Amino acid sequence: MKRTWTIIGVADVARSFKWYQSLLGLPETAPAHDYFGQILDSDGTVLLCLHEWGAHEHPSLTSPSTAEPGNGLLLFFRIDNFDEALPRARALVSPARRAARESQH
């Protein structure tokens, strides 16, 4: 079987790693490198890869300041326990960001 590995640019791989593991209800582990890590499901399936902005000169991951808004990236996680995951996701959004989003609607 072929699988795709979604890779996103992040400023802090370790911090982002912890955030996504918390969001998805996964046990906390450390990324393999300071600049790259794979979020794995319990069966070893790669769910998401996190890559430090600017590491290795990948053209699409040079800097968040040069990334164009609306570049078409949308992360969609299909999960079995939505009712458990939704409160975790809401808790992971900062109060300032939540207030900004609510004021836009």
PDB file of N, CA and C in Angstrom:
ATOM      1  N   MET A   1       0.839  -1.173   0.000  1.00  0.00           N
ATOM      2  CA  MET A   1       0.000   0.000   0.000  1.00  0.00           C
ATOM      3  C   MET A   1       0.887   1.240   0.000  1.00  0.00           C
ATOM      4  N   LYS A   2       0.451   2.252  -0.679  1.00  0.00           N
ATOM      5  CA  LYS A   2       1.148   3.535  -0.701  1.00  0.00           C
ATOM      6  C   LYS A   2       0.453   4.487   0.254  1.00  0.00           C
ATOM      7  N   ARG A   3       1.232   5.271   0.941  1.00  0.00           N
ATOM      8  CA  ARG A   3       0.675   6.276   1.849  1.00  0.00           C
ATOM      9  C   ARG A   3       1.357   7.608   1.577  1.00  0.00           C
ATOM     10  N   THR A   4       0.638   8.668   1.815  1.00  0.00           N
ATOM     11  CA  THR A   4       1.247   9.996   1.725  1.00  0.00           C
ATOM     12  C   THR A   4       1.630  10.445   3.119  1.00  0.00           C
ATOM     13  N   TRP A   5       2.673  11.222   3.212  1.00  0.00           N
ATOM     14  CA  TRP A   5       3.097  11.807   4.473  1.00  0.00           C
ATOM     15  C   TRP A   5       2.932  13.308   4.348  1.00  0.00           C
ATOM     16  N   THR A   6       2.005  13.859   5.079  1.00  0.00           N
ATOM     17  CA  THR A   6       1.802  15.296   5.098  1.00  0.00           C
ATOM     18  C   THR A   6       2.871  15.910   5.989  1.00  0.00           C
ATOM     19  N   ILE A   7       3.593  16.887   5.451  1.00  0.00           N
ATOM     20  CA  ILE A   7       4.643  17.582   6.192  1.00  0.00           C
ATOM     21  C   ILE A   7       4.260  19.049   6.297  1.00  0.00           C
ATOM     22  N   ILE A   8       4.270  19.575   7.522  1.00  0.00           N
ATOM     23  CA  ILE A   8       3.980  20.996   7.701  1.00  0.00           C
ATOM     24  C   ILE A   8       5.171  21.672   8.363  1.00  0.00           C
ATOM     25  N   GLY A   9       5.357  22.950   8.049  1.00  0.00           N
ATOM     26  CA  GLY A   9       6.412  23.746   8.656  1.00  0.00           C
ATOM     27  C   GLY A   9       5.964  24.282   9.998  1.00  0.00           C
ATOM     28  N   VAL A  10       6.856  24.193  10.984  1.00  0.00           N
ATOM     29  CA  VAL A  10       6.564  24.697  12.326  1.00  0.00           C
ATOM     30  C   VAL A  10       7.791  25.413  12.873  1.00  0.00           C
ATOM     31  N   ALA A  11       7.571  26.337  13.784  1.00  0.00           N
ATOM     32  CA  ALA A  11       8.681  27.083  14.383  1.00  0.00           C
ATOM     33  C   ALA A  11       9.419  26.254  15.423  1.00  0.00           C
ATOM     34  N   ASP A  12       8.695  25.436  16.160  1.00  0.00           N
ATOM     35  CA  ASP A  12       9.282  24.658  17.253  1.00  0.00           C
ATOM     36  C   ASP A  12       8.760  23.229  17.146  1.00  0.00           C
ATOM     37  N   VAL A  13       9.580  22.332  16.630  1.00  0.00           N
ATOM     38  CA  VAL A  13       9.144  20.957  16.389  1.00  0.00           C
ATOM     39  C   VAL A  13       8.718  20.272  17.687  1.00  0.00           C
ATOM     40  N   ALA A  14       9.514  20.375  18.735  1.00  0.00           N
ATOM     41  CA  ALA A  14       9.187  19.690  19.990  1.00  0.00           C
ATOM     42  C   ALA A  14       7.863  20.181  20.575  1.00  0.00           C
ATOM     43  N   ARG A  15       7.665  21.496  20.582  1.00  0.00           N
ATOM     44  CA  ARG A  15       6.424  22.061  21.127  1.00  0.00           C
ATOM     45  C   ARG A  15       5.217  21.663  20.266  1.00  0.00           C
ATOM     46  N   SER A  16       5.367  21.736  18.956  1.00  0.00           N
ATOM     47  CA  SER A  16       4.285  21.362  18.043  1.00  0.00           C
ATOM     48  C   SER A  16       3.987  19.867  18.141  1.00  0.00           C
ATOM     49  N   PHE A  17       5.035  19.086  18.311  1.00  0.00           N
ATOM     50  CA  PHE A  17       4.897  17.646  18.462  1.00  0.00           C
ATOM     51  C   PHE A  17       3.987  17.335  19.647  1.00  0.00           C
ATOM     52  N   LYS A  18       4.275  17.963  20.763  1.00  0.00           N
ATOM     53  CA  LYS A  18       3.494  17.769  21.985  1.00  0.00           C
ATOM     54  C   LYS A  18       2.052  18.217  21.772  1.00  0.00           C
ATOM     55  N   TRP A  19       1.856  19.346  21.084  1.00  0.00           N
ATOM     56  CA  TRP A  19       0.519  19.883  20.837  1.00  0.00           C
ATOM     57  C   TRP A  19      -0.325  18.907  20.016  1.00  0.00           C
ATOM     58  N   TYR A  20       0.231  18.410  18.900  1.00  0.00           N
ATOM     59  CA  TYR A  20      -0.528  17.477  18.053  1.00  0.00           C
ATOM     60  C   TYR A  20      -0.798  16.162  18.766  1.00  0.00           C
ATOM     61  N   GLN A  21       0.146  15.680  19.555  1.00  0.00           N
ATOM     62  CA  GLN A  21      -0.102  14.450  20.310  1.00  0.00           C
ATOM     63  C   GLN A  21      -1.237  14.658  21.308  1.00  0.00           C
ATOM     64  N   SER A  22      -1.266  15.802  21.950  1.00  0.00           N
ATOM     65  CA  SER A  22      -2.340  16.110  22.883  1.00  0.00           C
ATOM     66  C   SER A  22      -3.674  16.207  22.147  1.00  0.00           C
ATOM     67  N   LEU A  23      -3.683  16.898  21.030  1.00  0.00           N
ATOM     68  CA  LEU A  23      -4.899  17.042  20.226  1.00  0.00           C
ATOM     69  C   LEU A  23      -5.469  15.687  19.834  1.00  0.00           C
ATOM     70  N   LEU A  24      -4.604  14.780  19.407  1.00  0.00           N
ATOM     71  CA  LEU A  24      -5.047  13.485  18.904  1.00  0.00           C
ATOM     72  C   LEU A  24      -5.153  12.421  19.994  1.00  0.00           C
ATOM     73  N   GLY A  25      -4.870  12.792  21.237  1.00  0.00           N
ATOM     74  CA  GLY A  25      -4.988  11.842  22.326  1.00  0.00           C
ATOM     75  C   GLY A  25      -3.941  10.747  22.290  1.00  0.00           C
ATOM     76  N   LEU A  26      -2.752  11.084  21.802  1.00  0.00           N
ATOM     77  CA  LEU A  26      -1.668  10.109  21.696  1.00  0.00           C
ATOM     78  C   LEU A  26      -0.722  10.235  22.886  1.00  0.00           C
ATOM     79  N   PRO A  27      -0.029   9.157  23.238  1.00  0.00           N
ATOM     80  CA  PRO A  27       0.964   9.258  24.308  1.00  0.00           C
ATOM     81  C   PRO A  27       2.069  10.240  23.921  1.00  0.00           C
ATOM     82  N   GLU A  28       2.569  10.965  24.900  1.00  0.00           N
ATOM     83  CA  GLU A  28       3.617  11.952  24.631  1.00  0.00           C
ATOM     84  C   GLU A  28       4.959  11.255  24.405  1.00  0.00           C
ATOM     85  N   THR A  29       5.565  11.549  23.274  1.00  0.00           N
ATOM     86  CA  THR A  29       6.913  11.089  22.943  1.00  0.00           C
ATOM     87  C   THR A  29       7.668  12.280  22.385  1.00  0.00           C
ATOM     88  N   ALA A  30       8.960  12.118  22.195  1.00  0.00           N
ATOM     89  CA  ALA A  30       9.781  13.202  21.645  1.00  0.00           C
ATOM     90  C   ALA A  30      10.017  12.961  20.158  1.00  0.00           C
ATOM     91  N   PRO A  31      10.154  14.047  19.374  1.00  0.00           N
ATOM     92  CA  PRO A  31      10.489  13.882  17.960  1.00  0.00           C
ATOM     93  C   PRO A  31      11.890  13.296  17.816  1.00  0.00           C
ATOM     94  N   ALA A  32      12.156  12.670  16.689  1.00  0.00           N
ATOM     95  CA  ALA A  32      13.448  12.037  16.446  1.00  0.00           C
ATOM     96  C   ALA A  32      14.578  13.053  16.323  1.00  0.00           C
ATOM     97  N   HIS A  33      14.265  14.267  15.857  1.00  0.00           N
ATOM     98  CA  HIS A  33      15.275  15.303  15.634  1.00  0.00           C
ATOM     99  C   HIS A  33      14.742  16.652  16.107  1.00  0.00           C
ATOM    100  N   ASP A  34      15.617  17.616  16.282  1.00  0.00           N
ATOM    101  CA  ASP A  34      15.194  18.975  16.617  1.00  0.00           C
ATOM    102  C   ASP A  34      14.435  19.614  15.467  1.00  0.00           C
ATOM    103  N   TYR A  35      14.721  19.213  14.242  1.00  0.00           N
ATOM    104  CA  TYR A  35      14.181  19.840  13.039  1.00  0.00           C
ATOM    105  C   TYR A  35      13.090  19.031  12.347  1.00  0.00           C
ATOM    106  N   PHE A  36      12.819  17.783  12.800  1.00  0.00           N
ATOM    107  CA  PHE A  36      11.843  16.930  12.114  1.00  0.00           C
ATOM    108  C   PHE A  36      11.318  15.855  13.057  1.00  0.00           C
ATOM    109  N   GLY A  37      10.026  15.591  12.966  1.00  0.00           N
ATOM    110  CA  GLY A  37       9.424  14.510  13.737  1.00  0.00           C
ATOM    111  C   GLY A  37       8.177  13.999  13.049  1.00  0.00           C
ATOM    112  N   GLN A  38       7.850  12.752  13.323  1.00  0.00           N
ATOM    113  CA  GLN A  38       6.662  12.123  12.766  1.00  0.00           C
ATOM    114  C   GLN A  38       5.689  11.796  13.895  1.00  0.00           C
ATOM    115  N   ILE A  39       4.467  12.268  13.763  1.00  0.00           N
ATOM    116  CA  ILE A  39       3.406  11.906  14.694  1.00  0.00           C
ATOM    117  C   ILE A  39       2.869  10.555  14.223  1.00  0.00           C
ATOM    118  N   LEU A  40       2.963   9.555  15.098  1.00  0.00           N
ATOM    119  CA  LEU A  40       2.572   8.195  14.732  1.00  0.00           C
ATOM    120  C   LEU A  40       1.326   7.749  15.467  1.00  0.00           C
ATOM    121  N   ASP A  41       0.493   6.968  14.779  1.00  0.00           N
ATOM    122  CA  ASP A  41      -0.640   6.327  15.415  1.00  0.00           C
ATOM    123  C   ASP A  41      -0.121   5.134  16.217  1.00  0.00           C
ATOM    124  N   SER A  42      -0.966   4.514  17.020  1.00  0.00           N
ATOM    125  CA  SER A  42      -0.540   3.403  17.868  1.00  0.00           C
ATOM    126  C   SER A  42      -0.030   2.200  17.068  1.00  0.00           C
ATOM    127  N   ASP A  43      -0.439   2.092  15.797  1.00  0.00           N
ATOM    128  CA  ASP A  43       0.034   0.980  14.970  1.00  0.00           C
ATOM    129  C   ASP A  43       1.265   1.342  14.138  1.00  0.00           C
ATOM    130  N   GLY A  44       1.826   2.545  14.359  1.00  0.00           N
ATOM    131  CA  GLY A  44       3.017   2.971  13.631  1.00  0.00           C
ATOM    132  C   GLY A  44       2.744   3.743  12.357  1.00  0.00           C
ATOM    133  N   THR A  45       1.479   3.943  12.013  1.00  0.00           N
ATOM    134  CA  THR A  45       1.127   4.716  10.821  1.00  0.00           C
ATOM    135  C   THR A  45       1.510   6.181  11.042  1.00  0.00           C
ATOM    136  N   VAL A  46       2.175   6.773  10.052  1.00  0.00           N
ATOM    137  CA  VAL A  46       2.536   8.192  10.132  1.00  0.00           C
ATOM    138  C   VAL A  46       1.283   9.016   9.875  1.00  0.00           C
ATOM    139  N   LEU A  47       0.911   9.837  10.856  1.00  0.00           N
ATOM    140  CA  LEU A  47      -0.256  10.701  10.717  1.00  0.00           C
ATOM    141  C   LEU A  47       0.114  12.081  10.200  1.00  0.00           C
ATOM    142  N   LEU A  48       1.274  12.577  10.628  1.00  0.00           N
ATOM    143  CA  LEU A  48       1.687  13.934  10.286  1.00  0.00           C
ATOM    144  C   LEU A  48       3.179  14.071  10.544  1.00  0.00           C
ATOM    145  N   CYS A  49       3.861  14.802   9.676  1.00  0.00           N
ATOM    146  CA  CYS A  49       5.278  15.112   9.878  1.00  0.00           C
ATOM    147  C   CYS A  49       5.410  16.603  10.149  1.00  0.00           C
ATOM    148  N   LEU A  50       6.278  16.934  11.093  1.00  0.00           N
ATOM    149  CA  LEU A  50       6.532  18.327  11.447  1.00  0.00           C
ATOM    150  C   LEU A  50       7.970  18.651  11.086  1.00  0.00           C
ATOM    151  N   HIS A  51       8.162  19.720  10.342  1.00  0.00           N
ATOM    152  CA  HIS A  51       9.490  20.106   9.856  1.00  0.00           C
ATOM    153  C   HIS A  51       9.761  21.549  10.249  1.00  0.00           C
ATOM    154  N   GLU A  52      10.912  21.797  10.818  1.00  0.00           N
ATOM    155  CA  GLU A  52      11.258  23.155  11.237  1.00  0.00           C
ATOM    156  C   GLU A  52      11.380  24.073  10.026  1.00  0.00           C
ATOM    157  N   TRP A  53      10.757  25.261  10.140  1.00  0.00           N
ATOM    158  CA  TRP A  53      10.892  26.268   9.082  1.00  0.00           C
ATOM    159  C   TRP A  53      12.374  26.542   8.826  1.00  0.00           C
ATOM    160  N   GLY A  54      12.761  26.587   7.567  1.00  0.00           N
ATOM    161  CA  GLY A  54      14.107  26.977   7.187  1.00  0.00           C
ATOM    162  C   GLY A  54      15.145  25.874   7.218  1.00  0.00           C
ATOM    163  N   ALA A  55      14.852  24.754   7.850  1.00  0.00           N
ATOM    164  CA  ALA A  55      15.826  23.651   7.890  1.00  0.00           C
ATOM    165  C   ALA A  55      15.903  22.984   6.520  1.00  0.00           C
ATOM    166  N   HIS A  56      17.088  22.761   6.038  1.00  0.00           N
ATOM    167  CA  HIS A  56      17.370  22.040   4.791  1.00  0.00           C
ATOM    168  C   HIS A  56      16.979  22.769   3.514  1.00  0.00           C
ATOM    169  N   GLU A  57      16.639  24.024   3.611  1.00  0.00           N
ATOM    170  CA  GLU A  57      16.384  24.855   2.431  1.00  0.00           C
ATOM    171  C   GLU A  57      15.312  24.301   1.492  1.00  0.00           C
ATOM    172  N   HIS A  58      14.274  23.662   2.037  1.00  0.00           N
ATOM    173  CA  HIS A  58      13.148  23.236   1.197  1.00  0.00           C
ATOM    174  C   HIS A  58      12.410  24.491   0.750  1.00  0.00           C
ATOM    175  N   PRO A  59      12.195  24.679  -0.545  1.00  0.00           N
ATOM    176  CA  PRO A  59      11.583  25.920  -1.028  1.00  0.00           C
ATOM    177  C   PRO A  59      10.235  26.257  -0.394  1.00  0.00           C
ATOM    178  N   SER A  60       9.406  25.270  -0.144  1.00  0.00           N
ATOM    179  CA  SER A  60       8.083  25.566   0.414  1.00  0.00           C
ATOM    180  C   SER A  60       8.089  25.685   1.940  1.00  0.00           C
ATOM    181  N   LEU A  61       9.244  25.454   2.571  1.00  0.00           N
ATOM    182  CA  LEU A  61       9.334  25.531   4.031  1.00  0.00           C
ATOM    183  C   LEU A  61      10.409  26.517   4.476  1.00  0.00           C
ATOM    184  N   THR A  62      10.658  27.550   3.680  1.00  0.00           N
ATOM    185  CA  THR A  62      11.733  28.470   4.021  1.00  0.00           C
ATOM    186  C   THR A  62      11.413  29.340   5.225  1.00  0.00           C
ATOM    187  N   SER A  63      10.180  29.850   5.295  1.00  0.00           N
ATOM    188  CA  SER A  63       9.829  30.754   6.387  1.00  0.00           C
ATOM    189  C   SER A  63       8.319  30.959   6.427  1.00  0.00           C
ATOM    190  N   PRO A  64       7.740  31.049   7.607  1.00  0.00           N
ATOM    191  CA  PRO A  64       6.306  31.338   7.656  1.00  0.00           C
ATOM    192  C   PRO A  64       5.986  32.743   7.147  1.00  0.00           C
ATOM    193  N   SER A  65       6.966  33.639   7.191  1.00  0.00           N
ATOM    194  CA  SER A  65       6.714  35.005   6.725  1.00  0.00           C
ATOM    195  C   SER A  65       6.653  35.097   5.202  1.00  0.00           C
ATOM    196  N   THR A  66       7.207  34.115   4.498  1.00  0.00           N
ATOM    197  CA  THR A  66       7.129  34.133   3.033  1.00  0.00           C
ATOM    198  C   THR A  66       6.068  33.181   2.496  1.00  0.00           C
ATOM    199  N   ALA A  67       5.427  32.419   3.372  1.00  0.00           N
ATOM    200  CA  ALA A  67       4.347  31.534   2.928  1.00  0.00           C
ATOM    201  C   ALA A  67       3.131  32.388   2.580  1.00  0.00           C
ATOM    202  N   GLU A  68       2.543  32.125   1.465  1.00  0.00           N
ATOM    203  CA  GLU A  68       1.370  32.879   1.023  1.00  0.00           C
ATOM    204  C   GLU A  68       0.124  32.422   1.777  1.00  0.00           C
ATOM    205  N   PRO A  69      -0.662  33.351   2.313  1.00  0.00           N
ATOM    206  CA  PRO A  69      -1.922  32.957   2.953  1.00  0.00           C
ATOM    207  C   PRO A  69      -2.835  32.272   1.947  1.00  0.00           C
ATOM    208  N   GLY A  70      -3.590  31.314   2.428  1.00  0.00           N
ATOM    209  CA  GLY A  70      -4.531  30.628   1.546  1.00  0.00           C
ATOM    210  C   GLY A  70      -3.846  29.748   0.531  1.00  0.00           C
ATOM    211  N   ASN A  71      -2.723  29.137   0.907  1.00  0.00           N
ATOM    212  CA  ASN A  71      -1.980  28.339  -0.065  1.00  0.00           C
ATOM    213  C   ASN A  71      -2.582  26.965  -0.298  1.00  0.00           C
ATOM    214  N   GLY A  72      -3.758  26.695   0.269  1.00  0.00           N
ATOM    215  CA  GLY A  72      -4.461  25.455  -0.019  1.00  0.00           C
ATOM    216  C   GLY A  72      -4.218  24.335   0.968  1.00  0.00           C
ATOM    217  N   LEU A  73      -3.527  24.577   2.051  1.00  0.00           N
ATOM    218  CA  LEU A  73      -3.282  23.528   3.024  1.00  0.00           C
ATOM    219  C   LEU A  73      -4.455  23.430   3.984  1.00  0.00           C
ATOM    220  N   LEU A  74      -4.970  22.237   4.122  1.00  0.00           N
ATOM    221  CA  LEU A  74      -6.037  21.964   5.058  1.00  0.00           C
ATOM    222  C   LEU A  74      -5.747  20.611   5.687  1.00  0.00           C
ATOM    223  N   LEU A  75      -5.615  20.569   6.998  1.00  0.00           N
ATOM    224  CA  LEU A  75      -5.384  19.305   7.688  1.00  0.00           C
ATOM    225  C   LEU A  75      -6.720  18.773   8.165  1.00  0.00           C
ATOM    226  N   PHE A  76      -6.996  17.537   7.829  1.00  0.00           N
ATOM    227  CA  PHE A  76      -8.244  16.895   8.207  1.00  0.00           C
ATOM    228  C   PHE A  76      -7.892  15.561   8.840  1.00  0.00           C
ATOM    229  N   PHE A  77      -8.234  15.394  10.113  1.00  0.00           N
ATOM    230  CA  PHE A  77      -7.972  14.139  10.816  1.00  0.00           C
ATOM    231  C   PHE A  77      -9.297  13.420  11.025  1.00  0.00           C
ATOM    232  N   ARG A  78      -9.396  12.222  10.517  1.00  0.00           N
ATOM    233  CA  ARG A  78     -10.584  11.405  10.745  1.00  0.00           C
ATOM    234  C   ARG A  78     -10.310  10.537  11.970  1.00  0.00           C
ATOM    235  N   ILE A  79     -11.158  10.680  12.986  1.00  0.00           N
ATOM    236  CA  ILE A  79     -10.912   9.994  14.249  1.00  0.00           C
ATOM    237  C   ILE A  79     -12.150   9.211  14.675  1.00  0.00           C
ATOM    238  N   ASP A  80     -11.945   8.254  15.548  1.00  0.00           N
ATOM    239  CA  ASP A  80     -13.048   7.431  16.042  1.00  0.00           C
ATOM    240  C   ASP A  80     -13.780   8.075  17.215  1.00  0.00           C
ATOM    241  N   ASN A  81     -13.104   8.906  17.985  1.00  0.00           N
ATOM    242  CA  ASN A  81     -13.666   9.424  19.232  1.00  0.00           C
ATOM    243  C   ASN A  81     -13.841  10.941  19.184  1.00  0.00           C
ATOM    244  N   PHE A  82     -14.659  11.422  18.267  1.00  0.00           N
ATOM    245  CA  PHE A  82     -14.854  12.857  18.088  1.00  0.00           C
ATOM    246  C   PHE A  82     -15.307  13.545  19.371  1.00  0.00           C
ATOM    247  N   ASP A  83     -16.240  12.919  20.095  1.00  0.00           N
ATOM    248  CA  ASP A  83     -16.769  13.548  21.310  1.00  0.00           C
ATOM    249  C   ASP A  83     -15.692  13.735  22.377  1.00  0.00           C
ATOM    250  N   GLU A  84     -14.680  12.897  22.390  1.00  0.00           N
ATOM    251  CA  GLU A  84     -13.566  13.051  23.317  1.00  0.00           C
ATOM    252  C   GLU A  84     -12.539  14.056  22.784  1.00  0.00           C
ATOM    253  N   ALA A  85     -12.360  14.091  21.469  1.00  0.00           N
ATOM    254  CA  ALA A  85     -11.335  14.940  20.854  1.00  0.00           C
ATOM    255  C   ALA A  85     -11.739  16.417  20.817  1.00  0.00           C
ATOM    256  N   LEU A  86     -13.015  16.709  20.660  1.00  0.00           N
ATOM    257  CA  LEU A  86     -13.450  18.099  20.541  1.00  0.00           C
ATOM    258  C   LEU A  86     -13.091  18.943  21.768  1.00  0.00           C
ATOM    259  N   PRO A  87     -13.349  18.480  22.987  1.00  0.00           N
ATOM    260  CA  PRO A  87     -12.920  19.287  24.139  1.00  0.00           C
ATOM    261  C   PRO A  87     -11.404  19.455  24.214  1.00  0.00           C
ATOM    262  N   ARG A  88     -10.645  18.432  23.822  1.00  0.00           N
ATOM    263  CA  ARG A  88      -9.182  18.564  23.805  1.00  0.00           C
ATOM    264  C   ARG A  88      -8.765  19.632  22.818  1.00  0.00           C
ATOM    265  N   ALA A  89      -9.371  19.635  21.636  1.00  0.00           N
ATOM    266  CA  ALA A  89      -9.032  20.629  20.614  1.00  0.00           C
ATOM    267  C   ALA A  89      -9.365  22.033  21.101  1.00  0.00           C
ATOM    268  N   ARG A  90     -10.520  22.195  21.709  1.00  0.00           N
ATOM    269  CA  ARG A  90     -10.917  23.516  22.212  1.00  0.00           C
ATOM    270  C   ARG A  90      -9.981  23.992  23.313  1.00  0.00           C
ATOM    271  N   ALA A  91      -9.526  23.078  24.156  1.00  0.00           N
ATOM    272  CA  ALA A  91      -8.618  23.447  25.246  1.00  0.00           C
ATOM    273  C   ALA A  91      -7.236  23.852  24.726  1.00  0.00           C
ATOM    274  N   LEU A  92      -6.866  23.374  23.556  1.00  0.00           N
ATOM    275  CA  LEU A  92      -5.556  23.672  22.992  1.00  0.00           C
ATOM    276  C   LEU A  92      -5.499  25.001  22.249  1.00  0.00           C
ATOM    277  N   VAL A  93      -6.645  25.618  22.022  1.00  0.00           N
ATOM    278  CA  VAL A  93      -6.698  26.920  21.357  1.00  0.00           C
ATOM    279  C   VAL A  93      -6.578  27.987  22.441  1.00  0.00           C
ATOM    280  N   SER A  94      -5.649  28.908  22.257  1.00  0.00           N
ATOM    281  CA  SER A  94      -5.432  29.940  23.274  1.00  0.00           C
ATOM    282  C   SER A  94      -6.664  30.827  23.402  1.00  0.00           C
ATOM    283  N   PRO A  95      -6.911  31.356  24.607  1.00  0.00           N
ATOM    284  CA  PRO A  95      -8.068  32.254  24.792  1.00  0.00           C
ATOM    285  C   PRO A  95      -8.034  33.458  23.855  1.00  0.00           C
ATOM    286  N   ALA A  96      -6.845  34.019  23.589  1.00  0.00           N
ATOM    287  CA  ALA A  96      -6.738  35.179  22.692  1.00  0.00           C
ATOM    288  C   ALA A  96      -7.146  34.807  21.271  1.00  0.00           C
ATOM    289  N   ARG A  97      -6.685  33.668  20.808  1.00  0.00           N
ATOM    290  CA  ARG A  97      -7.031  33.233  19.447  1.00  0.00           C
ATOM    291  C   ARG A  97      -8.522  32.929  19.363  1.00  0.00           C
ATOM    292  N   ARG A  98      -9.069  32.293  20.386  1.00  0.00           N
ATOM    293  CA  ARG A  98     -10.494  31.969  20.412  1.00  0.00           C
ATOM    294  C   ARG A  98     -11.327  33.246  20.348  1.00  0.00           C
ATOM    295  N   ALA A  99     -10.942  34.265  21.129  1.00  0.00           N
ATOM    296  CA  ALA A  99     -11.670  35.537  21.137  1.00  0.00           C
ATOM    297  C   ALA A  99     -11.589  36.215  19.770  1.00  0.00           C
ATOM    298  N   ALA A 100     -10.429  36.151  19.140  1.00  0.00           N
ATOM    299  CA  ALA A 100     -10.273  36.762  17.814  1.00  0.00           C
ATOM    300  C   ALA A 100     -11.164  36.077  16.793  1.00  0.00           C
ATOM    301  N   ARG A 101     -11.242  34.763  16.843  1.00  0.00           N
ATOM    302  CA  ARG A 101     -12.092  34.031  15.909  1.00  0.00           C
ATOM    303  C   ARG A 101     -13.557  34.346  16.129  1.00  0.00           C
ATOM    304  N   GLU A 102     -13.963  34.394  17.386  1.00  0.00           N
ATOM    305  CA  GLU A 102     -15.372  34.672  17.694  1.00  0.00           C
ATOM    306  C   GLU A 102     -15.756  36.080  17.270  1.00  0.00           C
ATOM    307  N   SER A 103     -14.846  37.034  17.330  1.00  0.00           N
ATOM    308  CA  SER A 103     -15.158  38.398  16.923  1.00  0.00           C
ATOM    309  C   SER A 103     -15.278  38.532  15.405  1.00  0.00           C
ATOM    310  N   GLN A 104     -14.754  37.562  14.667  1.00  0.00           N
ATOM    311  CA  GLN A 104     -14.830  37.599  13.204  1.00  0.00           C
ATOM    312  C   GLN A 104     -16.196  37.125  12.708  1.00  0.00           C
ATOM    313  N   HIS A 105     -16.933  36.409  13.540  1.00  0.00           N
ATOM    314  CA  HIS A 105     -18.212  35.847  13.105  1.00  0.00           C
ATOM    315  C   HIS A 105     -19.373  36.719  13.456  1.00  0.00           C
TER     316      HIS A 105
END
